[in-house]
Amino acid sequence: MSAPARPEKSCVACGRRITWRKKWARAWESVRYCSDACRRRRVLPVDVALENAMRDLLGERSREATIDPSEAARRVGGDAHWRALMEPARAAARRMVARGELEILQRGSRVDPSTARGPIRLRQTSSVPRSDAAGADGGSFVPVPPTP
């Protein structure tokens, strides 16, 4: 007989999976961060800019197209400072996966964002509606959350 499934949630800052622990039993509803480092860092304006850049890049391409997180980092940080934004770009992608906006791919297959190592590609999920006018008039892609 297998162990019962434990509740999970995503870290607000980095998007990694947080698994229930016994020491959090009383405060599980208030757990938001996976570590003290994430609690200190939080979500910064540059993180929001990276998410918006990812939405814009995906909105400019066909639904099946993928992007590399470095494209968003270059758009936000420019050619001189994009490398420092690579881990924040991956964290932004993980947060967007947790919200159901993106899928993370490796070698064309979906992977768990919390355990993905190495090169990744990002694709918007098929459940997120997209306005056809977003790419045509240069407007921003704004996802609509799925209905419960």
Protein backbone atom coordinates (compact mmCIF):
# COMPACT_ATOMS: atom_id res chain seq x y z
CA MET A 1 0.00 0.00 0.00
CA SER A 2 1.43 3.40 -0.95
CA ALA A 3 1.71 6.39 1.34
CA PRO A 4 -1.12 8.95 1.17
CA ALA A 5 -0.57 11.91 -1.17
CA ARG A 6 0.74 14.96 0.63
CA PRO A 7 -0.53 18.43 -0.21
CA GLU A 8 1.71 20.62 -2.34
CA LYS A 9 1.86 24.26 -3.30
CA SER A 10 4.26 26.51 -5.19
CA CYS A 11 6.70 28.98 -3.68
CA VAL A 12 5.55 32.54 -4.34
CA ALA A 13 9.09 33.73 -5.12
CA CYS A 14 10.76 30.94 -7.12
CA GLY A 15 7.84 28.75 -8.20
CA ARG A 16 9.40 25.54 -6.87
CA ARG A 17 7.15 22.89 -5.35
CA ILE A 18 6.66 22.99 -1.57
CA THR A 19 5.70 19.64 -0.07
CA TRP A 20 3.81 19.43 3.20
CA ARG A 21 5.91 18.70 6.29
CA LYS A 22 4.77 17.68 9.73
CA LYS A 23 6.35 20.76 11.33
CA TRP A 24 4.11 22.92 9.10
CA ALA A 25 0.92 21.08 10.05
CA ARG A 26 -0.53 23.95 12.11
CA ALA A 27 0.55 26.71 9.72
CA TRP A 28 0.29 25.01 6.30
CA GLU A 29 -2.20 27.61 5.03
CA SER A 30 0.26 30.42 5.76
CA VAL A 31 3.34 28.76 4.19
CA ARG A 32 4.22 30.80 1.08
CA TYR A 33 7.97 30.41 0.60
CA CYS A 34 10.16 27.35 0.17
CA SER A 35 13.15 28.82 2.02
CA ASP A 36 14.44 31.78 3.98
CA ALA A 37 16.27 32.96 0.84
CA CYS A 38 12.97 33.16 -1.08
CA ARG A 39 11.29 34.89 1.86
CA ARG A 40 14.02 37.55 1.83
CA ARG A 41 14.11 37.97 -1.95
CA ARG A 42 10.36 37.97 -2.67
CA VAL A 43 9.09 38.95 -6.13
CA LEU A 44 10.87 42.05 -7.42
CA PRO A 45 9.85 44.42 -10.24
CA VAL A 46 12.45 42.79 -12.50
CA ASP A 47 10.68 39.45 -11.96
CA VAL A 48 7.38 40.96 -13.10
CA ALA A 49 9.19 42.48 -16.12
CA LEU A 50 10.56 39.03 -17.03
CA GLU A 51 7.07 37.50 -16.85
CA ASN A 52 5.70 40.27 -19.08
CA ALA A 53 8.57 39.78 -21.54
CA MET A 54 7.77 36.06 -21.72
CA ARG A 55 4.10 36.82 -22.37
CA ASP A 56 5.03 39.32 -25.08
CA LEU A 57 7.50 36.96 -26.78
CA LEU A 58 4.97 34.12 -26.81
CA GLY A 59 2.23 36.48 -28.00
CA GLU A 60 4.36 37.43 -31.00
CA ARG A 61 4.68 33.79 -32.12
CA SER A 62 2.38 30.96 -33.09
CA ARG A 63 0.73 28.97 -30.33
CA GLU A 64 3.01 25.95 -30.85
CA ALA A 65 6.20 28.04 -30.83
CA THR A 66 8.61 27.96 -27.90
CA ILE A 67 11.00 30.51 -26.47
CA ASP A 68 14.21 30.26 -24.51
CA PRO A 69 14.22 32.03 -21.11
CA SER A 70 17.35 33.87 -22.27
CA GLU A 71 15.24 35.73 -24.84
CA ALA A 72 13.19 37.30 -22.03
CA ALA A 73 16.37 37.99 -20.03
CA ARG A 74 17.90 39.78 -23.05
CA ARG A 75 14.73 41.80 -23.57
CA VAL A 76 14.71 42.97 -19.94
CA GLY A 77 18.44 43.24 -19.17
CA GLY A 78 19.86 44.08 -22.58
CA ASP A 79 22.84 42.40 -24.20
CA ALA A 80 25.22 43.46 -21.43
CA HIS A 81 23.33 42.23 -18.34
CA TRP A 82 21.14 39.33 -19.47
CA ARG A 83 23.23 36.55 -17.90
CA ALA A 84 22.53 37.81 -14.37
CA LEU A 85 18.82 37.49 -15.13
CA MET A 86 18.87 33.83 -16.19
CA GLU A 87 17.96 32.32 -12.79
CA PRO A 88 15.28 35.00 -12.18
CA ALA A 89 13.93 34.18 -15.69
CA ARG A 90 13.73 30.49 -14.85
CA ALA A 91 11.99 31.37 -11.56
CA ALA A 92 9.53 33.58 -13.45
CA ALA A 93 8.81 30.66 -15.78
CA ARG A 94 8.20 28.33 -12.81
CA ARG A 95 5.75 30.83 -11.29
CA MET A 96 3.92 31.04 -14.62
CA VAL A 97 3.76 27.23 -14.80
CA ALA A 98 2.24 27.18 -11.30
CA ARG A 99 -0.45 29.60 -12.52
CA GLY A 100 -1.11 27.47 -15.61
CA GLU A 101 0.21 29.98 -18.16
CA LEU A 102 3.26 28.07 -19.44
CA GLU A 103 4.73 24.62 -19.92
CA ILE A 104 8.43 23.91 -19.49
CA LEU A 105 9.90 21.58 -22.09
CA GLN A 106 13.13 19.66 -22.46
CA ARG A 107 13.76 17.81 -25.72
CA GLY A 108 10.16 18.51 -26.71
CA SER A 109 8.56 16.89 -23.64
CA ARG A 110 6.95 18.55 -20.63
CA VAL A 111 9.05 18.38 -17.47
CA ASP A 112 8.49 19.13 -13.81
CA PRO A 113 9.61 22.75 -13.31
CA SER A 114 10.94 22.04 -9.81
CA THR A 115 13.37 19.38 -10.98
CA ALA A 116 14.29 20.56 -14.51
CA ARG A 117 18.04 20.90 -15.00
CA GLY A 118 19.84 22.08 -18.11
CA PRO A 119 18.40 23.85 -21.16
CA ILE A 120 14.66 24.45 -21.16
CA ARG A 121 12.14 25.88 -23.59
CA LEU A 122 8.86 27.62 -22.72
CA ARG A 123 5.51 27.19 -24.46
CA GLN A 124 2.15 28.65 -23.55
CA THR A 125 -0.41 26.15 -22.41
CA SER A 126 -3.30 25.31 -24.67
CA SER A 127 -5.81 26.18 -21.91
CA VAL A 128 -4.83 29.86 -21.87
CA PRO A 129 -6.96 31.84 -24.36
CA ARG A 130 -5.05 34.16 -26.64
CA SER A 131 -6.35 37.15 -28.54
CA ASP A 132 -5.45 37.02 -32.23
CA ALA A 133 -5.14 40.80 -32.17
CA ALA A 134 -2.37 40.69 -29.55
CA GLY A 135 0.34 39.83 -32.07
CA ALA A 136 -1.09 41.88 -34.94
CA ASP A 137 -1.26 45.27 -33.25
CA GLY A 138 1.81 44.81 -31.05
CA GLY A 139 -0.28 44.63 -27.88
CA SER A 140 0.67 42.59 -24.88
CA PHE A 141 -0.52 39.03 -24.34
CA VAL A 142 -2.62 39.02 -21.17
CA PRO A 143 -3.66 35.55 -20.02
CA VAL A 144 -7.09 34.84 -18.67
CA PRO A 145 -7.07 32.45 -15.69
CA PRO A 146 -8.93 29.19 -16.25
CA THR A 147 -12.39 28.99 -14.73
CA PRO A 148 -12.73 26.60 -11.78
